[in-house]
Amino acid sequence: MRLPSLALRARSPHGDPVAEPDARRRALTIAACLLPLAACKPSPTFHGIDLSLVSYASDFALQGADGRPYRLADFRGKVVMMFFGFTQCPDVCPTALARAAAVHQILGADAADFQVLFVTIDPERDTAPVLAAYTAAFHPSFLGLSSDLAGTAAVAKEFKVYYGKVPTGASYTMDHSTLSTVFDRKGKARLAIKHEMSAADLAEDVRQLLNA
């Protein structure tokens, strides 16, 4: 950045040239004020709900359908999308995972750094083999996660996810929240994704986080 030349030619009220050190000091002060403005970059605009300032959804301890234990830190370096649901869900869950599969396709090569996690809220019926088959039907990289009843309740509370059993004759279904949570490469919750968001808009948000 060039120093403002007018500052170096400043004059006193009597018309005398200002001493060189004073003029240079003034020029450097102006330059110092302008530098932060020149370096400032606009914040990204997301389609999802901004979660940058929230303190919840910070971690989990769950079992993968592959038999391994997982925490959020295991996915550091990737953008992660986490969705709570159950395999017998008639519409919301398959729609959310189908959209995630579409996002995976839109991202192309960048999809290698996009991880989808499906957390079951129905561990009594969603065993590891059931979870593995269900997530693989949408994309082989998607990972199903579970815990026991107490662990499921704990992680749902940490992520502010609502769920509950709804009796249906001799069986039951599950009522639950429909938002997905997206984490940046550092494992920070950044976005809440509404169920009605399109795959194109979600892919745009994910790509911005991948390139951040």
Protein backbone atom coordinates (compact mmCIF):
# COMPACT_ATOMS: atom_id res chain seq x y z
CA MET A 1 0.00 0.00 0.00
CA ARG A 2 1.45 3.43 -0.95
CA LEU A 3 1.55 6.00 1.81
CA PRO A 4 -0.75 8.97 1.16
CA SER A 5 1.48 11.57 -0.49
CA LEU A 6 -0.66 14.50 0.69
CA ALA A 7 0.38 13.76 4.23
CA LEU A 8 4.01 14.30 3.33
CA ARG A 9 3.22 17.73 1.87
CA ALA A 10 1.17 18.92 4.84
CA ARG A 11 1.71 22.53 5.91
CA SER A 12 1.28 24.40 9.17
CA PRO A 13 -1.45 27.09 9.63
CA HIS A 14 1.22 29.68 8.72
CA GLY A 15 1.95 28.02 5.40
CA ASP A 16 5.29 26.56 6.49
CA PRO A 17 6.05 22.95 5.58
CA VAL A 18 5.42 20.52 8.45
CA ALA A 19 8.54 18.80 9.71
CA GLU A 20 9.23 15.55 7.86
CA PRO A 21 8.97 13.29 10.97
CA ASP A 22 5.47 14.64 11.78
CA ALA A 23 4.27 14.19 8.21
CA ARG A 24 5.60 10.65 8.02
CA ARG A 25 4.05 9.79 11.38
CA ARG A 26 0.69 11.00 10.12
CA ALA A 27 1.05 9.01 6.91
CA LEU A 28 1.94 5.84 8.80
CA THR A 29 -1.06 6.31 11.10
CA ILE A 30 -3.42 6.59 8.13
CA ALA A 31 -1.83 3.53 6.51
CA ALA A 32 -2.22 1.53 9.72
CA CYS A 33 -5.91 2.40 9.83
CA LEU A 34 -6.45 1.39 6.21
CA LEU A 35 -4.60 -1.94 6.33
CA PRO A 36 -7.28 -3.85 8.32
CA LEU A 37 -9.89 -2.68 5.82
CA ALA A 38 -7.81 -3.88 2.89
CA ALA A 39 -7.28 -7.29 4.53
CA CYS A 40 -10.92 -7.76 5.53
CA LYS A 41 -12.74 -10.58 3.71
CA PRO A 42 -16.52 -10.84 3.52
CA SER A 43 -18.09 -13.56 5.68
CA PRO A 44 -19.58 -16.48 3.78
CA THR A 45 -23.34 -16.50 3.30
CA PHE A 46 -24.99 -19.84 4.08
CA HIS A 47 -28.39 -21.26 3.27
CA GLY A 48 -28.40 -23.13 6.59
CA ILE A 49 -28.92 -21.74 10.09
CA ASP A 50 -25.69 -20.33 11.55
CA LEU A 51 -24.54 -22.25 14.65
CA SER A 52 -21.10 -20.63 14.92
CA LEU A 53 -21.82 -19.16 18.36
CA VAL A 54 -23.50 -22.16 20.00
CA SER A 55 -21.77 -24.15 22.74
CA TYR A 56 -23.75 -27.39 22.45
CA ALA A 57 -23.23 -30.24 19.94
CA SER A 58 -19.56 -30.34 20.87
CA ASP A 59 -18.92 -34.10 20.93
CA PHE A 60 -20.40 -37.59 21.15
CA ALA A 61 -19.35 -41.12 22.11
CA LEU A 62 -21.16 -43.65 19.90
CA GLN A 63 -20.69 -47.10 18.41
CA GLY A 64 -20.35 -47.45 14.67
CA ALA A 65 -22.25 -50.07 12.71
CA ASP A 66 -18.77 -51.34 11.80
CA GLY A 67 -18.16 -52.21 15.47
CA ARG A 68 -15.76 -49.35 16.19
CA PRO A 69 -16.26 -46.59 18.80
CA TYR A 70 -16.41 -43.06 17.42
CA ARG A 71 -16.10 -39.52 18.66
CA LEU A 72 -16.36 -36.28 16.71
CA ALA A 73 -12.57 -35.90 16.71
CA ASP A 74 -12.27 -39.07 14.59
CA PHE A 75 -13.61 -37.06 11.63
CA ARG A 76 -11.36 -34.02 12.06
CA GLY A 77 -10.32 -32.63 8.68
CA LYS A 78 -13.68 -33.44 7.09
CA VAL A 79 -16.96 -31.57 6.90
CA VAL A 80 -19.48 -33.75 8.76
CA MET A 81 -23.26 -33.85 8.46
CA MET A 82 -25.05 -35.58 11.34
CA PHE A 83 -28.69 -36.65 11.28
CA PHE A 84 -30.78 -38.37 13.98
CA GLY A 85 -33.44 -40.82 12.83
CA PHE A 86 -34.45 -44.48 12.63
CA THR A 87 -34.41 -47.09 9.91
CA GLN A 88 -38.17 -47.71 9.91
CA CYS A 89 -38.88 -44.02 9.32
CA PRO A 90 -41.38 -43.77 6.45
CA ASP A 91 -40.34 -40.45 4.87
CA VAL A 92 -38.19 -37.87 6.72
CA CYS A 93 -35.10 -40.06 7.26
CA PRO A 94 -34.89 -41.59 3.77
CA THR A 95 -35.47 -38.15 2.27
CA ALA A 96 -32.64 -36.64 4.36
CA LEU A 97 -30.21 -39.41 3.42
CA ALA A 98 -31.21 -39.34 -0.25
CA ARG A 99 -30.49 -35.58 -0.24
CA ALA A 100 -27.11 -36.24 1.39
CA ALA A 101 -26.33 -38.78 -1.35
CA ALA A 102 -27.22 -36.15 -3.96
CA VAL A 103 -24.88 -33.68 -2.24
CA HIS A 104 -22.14 -36.31 -2.35
CA GLN A 105 -22.60 -36.57 -6.11
CA ILE A 106 -22.69 -32.79 -6.63
CA LEU A 107 -19.42 -32.32 -4.74
CA GLY A 108 -17.54 -34.67 -7.04
CA ALA A 109 -13.94 -35.16 -5.94
CA ASP A 110 -14.52 -32.91 -2.90
CA ALA A 111 -16.94 -35.51 -1.52
CA ALA A 112 -13.95 -37.45 -0.17
CA ASP A 113 -13.88 -34.86 2.66
CA PHE A 114 -17.63 -34.97 3.32
CA GLN A 115 -18.80 -37.49 5.94
CA VAL A 116 -22.45 -38.30 6.64
CA LEU A 117 -23.36 -39.77 10.05
CA PHE A 118 -26.77 -41.32 10.78
CA VAL A 119 -27.50 -41.66 14.51
CA THR A 120 -30.36 -43.97 15.40
CA ILE A 121 -32.89 -42.91 18.03
CA ASP A 122 -34.33 -46.45 18.01
CA PRO A 123 -31.47 -48.66 19.25
CA GLU A 124 -33.88 -51.41 20.32
CA ARG A 125 -34.63 -52.24 16.67
CA ASP A 126 -31.70 -50.63 14.82
CA THR A 127 -28.97 -53.18 15.44
CA ALA A 128 -25.52 -52.78 13.87
CA PRO A 129 -26.32 -55.01 10.85
CA VAL A 130 -29.62 -53.16 10.28
CA LEU A 131 -27.87 -49.78 10.46
CA ALA A 132 -25.06 -50.87 8.16
CA ALA A 133 -27.46 -52.13 5.49
CA TYR A 134 -29.66 -49.05 5.76
CA THR A 135 -26.90 -46.43 5.35
CA ALA A 136 -25.16 -48.43 2.60
CA ALA A 137 -28.38 -48.34 0.58
CA PHE A 138 -27.87 -44.56 0.22
CA HIS A 139 -24.07 -44.41 -0.05
CA PRO A 140 -21.26 -46.77 1.01
CA SER A 141 -19.41 -44.01 2.86
CA PHE A 142 -22.34 -43.13 5.13
CA LEU A 143 -21.86 -44.37 8.69
CA GLY A 144 -24.57 -45.50 11.10
CA LEU A 145 -24.01 -44.79 14.80
CA SER A 146 -25.82 -46.00 17.91
CA SER A 147 -25.73 -46.37 21.69
CA ASP A 148 -27.89 -47.96 24.37
CA LEU A 149 -31.05 -46.24 25.55
CA ALA A 150 -29.25 -44.09 28.13
CA GLY A 151 -26.45 -43.15 25.74
CA THR A 152 -28.93 -42.28 23.01
CA ALA A 153 -30.79 -39.97 25.39
CA ALA A 154 -27.52 -38.32 26.45
CA VAL A 155 -26.27 -37.57 22.94
CA ALA A 156 -29.72 -36.37 21.85
CA LYS A 157 -29.73 -33.95 24.79
CA GLU A 158 -26.25 -32.68 23.89
CA PHE A 159 -27.39 -32.04 20.31
CA LYS A 160 -30.80 -30.64 21.38
CA VAL A 161 -32.61 -33.35 19.42
CA TYR A 162 -36.16 -34.28 20.35
CA TYR A 163 -37.46 -37.84 19.92
CA GLY A 164 -40.09 -40.10 21.46
CA LYS A 165 -41.99 -43.33 20.94
CA VAL A 166 -45.47 -43.16 19.42
CA PRO A 167 -47.57 -46.34 19.90
CA THR A 168 -49.07 -47.81 16.72
CA GLY A 169 -51.21 -50.79 17.69
CA ALA A 170 -48.95 -53.63 18.80
CA SER A 171 -45.80 -51.77 17.74
CA TYR A 172 -44.53 -48.17 17.71
CA THR A 173 -42.99 -45.52 15.52
CA MET A 174 -40.72 -42.62 16.46
CA ASP A 175 -41.37 -38.90 16.45
CA HIS A 176 -38.20 -36.83 16.16
CA SER A 177 -36.51 -33.57 15.12
CA THR A 178 -35.74 -33.12 11.44
CA LEU A 179 -32.73 -30.77 11.49
CA SER A 180 -29.29 -31.98 10.43
CA THR A 181 -26.11 -30.56 11.98
CA VAL A 182 -23.06 -29.71 9.86
CA PHE A 183 -19.58 -29.42 11.36
CA ASP A 184 -16.54 -27.75 9.82
CA ARG A 185 -13.14 -29.40 9.37
CA LYS A 186 -12.15 -28.48 12.95
CA GLY A 187 -15.18 -30.26 14.44
CA LYS A 188 -17.10 -27.08 15.25
CA ALA A 189 -20.87 -27.08 14.74
CA ARG A 190 -21.50 -24.49 12.04
CA LEU A 191 -24.92 -25.06 10.47
CA ALA A 192 -28.35 -26.49 11.18
CA ILE A 193 -29.97 -27.74 7.99
CA LYS A 194 -33.73 -27.64 7.58
CA HIS A 195 -35.45 -30.67 6.14
CA GLU A 196 -36.80 -28.71 3.18
CA MET A 197 -33.40 -27.39 2.00
CA SER A 198 -32.49 -28.52 -1.52
CA ALA A 199 -29.46 -30.69 -2.29
CA ALA A 200 -28.00 -27.88 -4.41
CA ASP A 201 -28.16 -25.35 -1.56
CA LEU A 202 -26.76 -27.83 0.94
CA ALA A 203 -23.92 -28.72 -1.42
CA GLU A 204 -23.09 -25.02 -1.74
CA ASP A 205 -22.90 -24.66 2.05
CA VAL A 206 -20.75 -27.78 2.40
CA ARG A 207 -18.39 -26.61 -0.34
CA GLN A 208 -17.93 -23.26 1.39
CA LEU A 209 -16.92 -25.06 4.59
CA LEU A 210 -14.61 -27.37 2.68
CA ASN A 211 -12.86 -24.39 1.11
CA ALA A 212 -12.76 -22.23 4.25
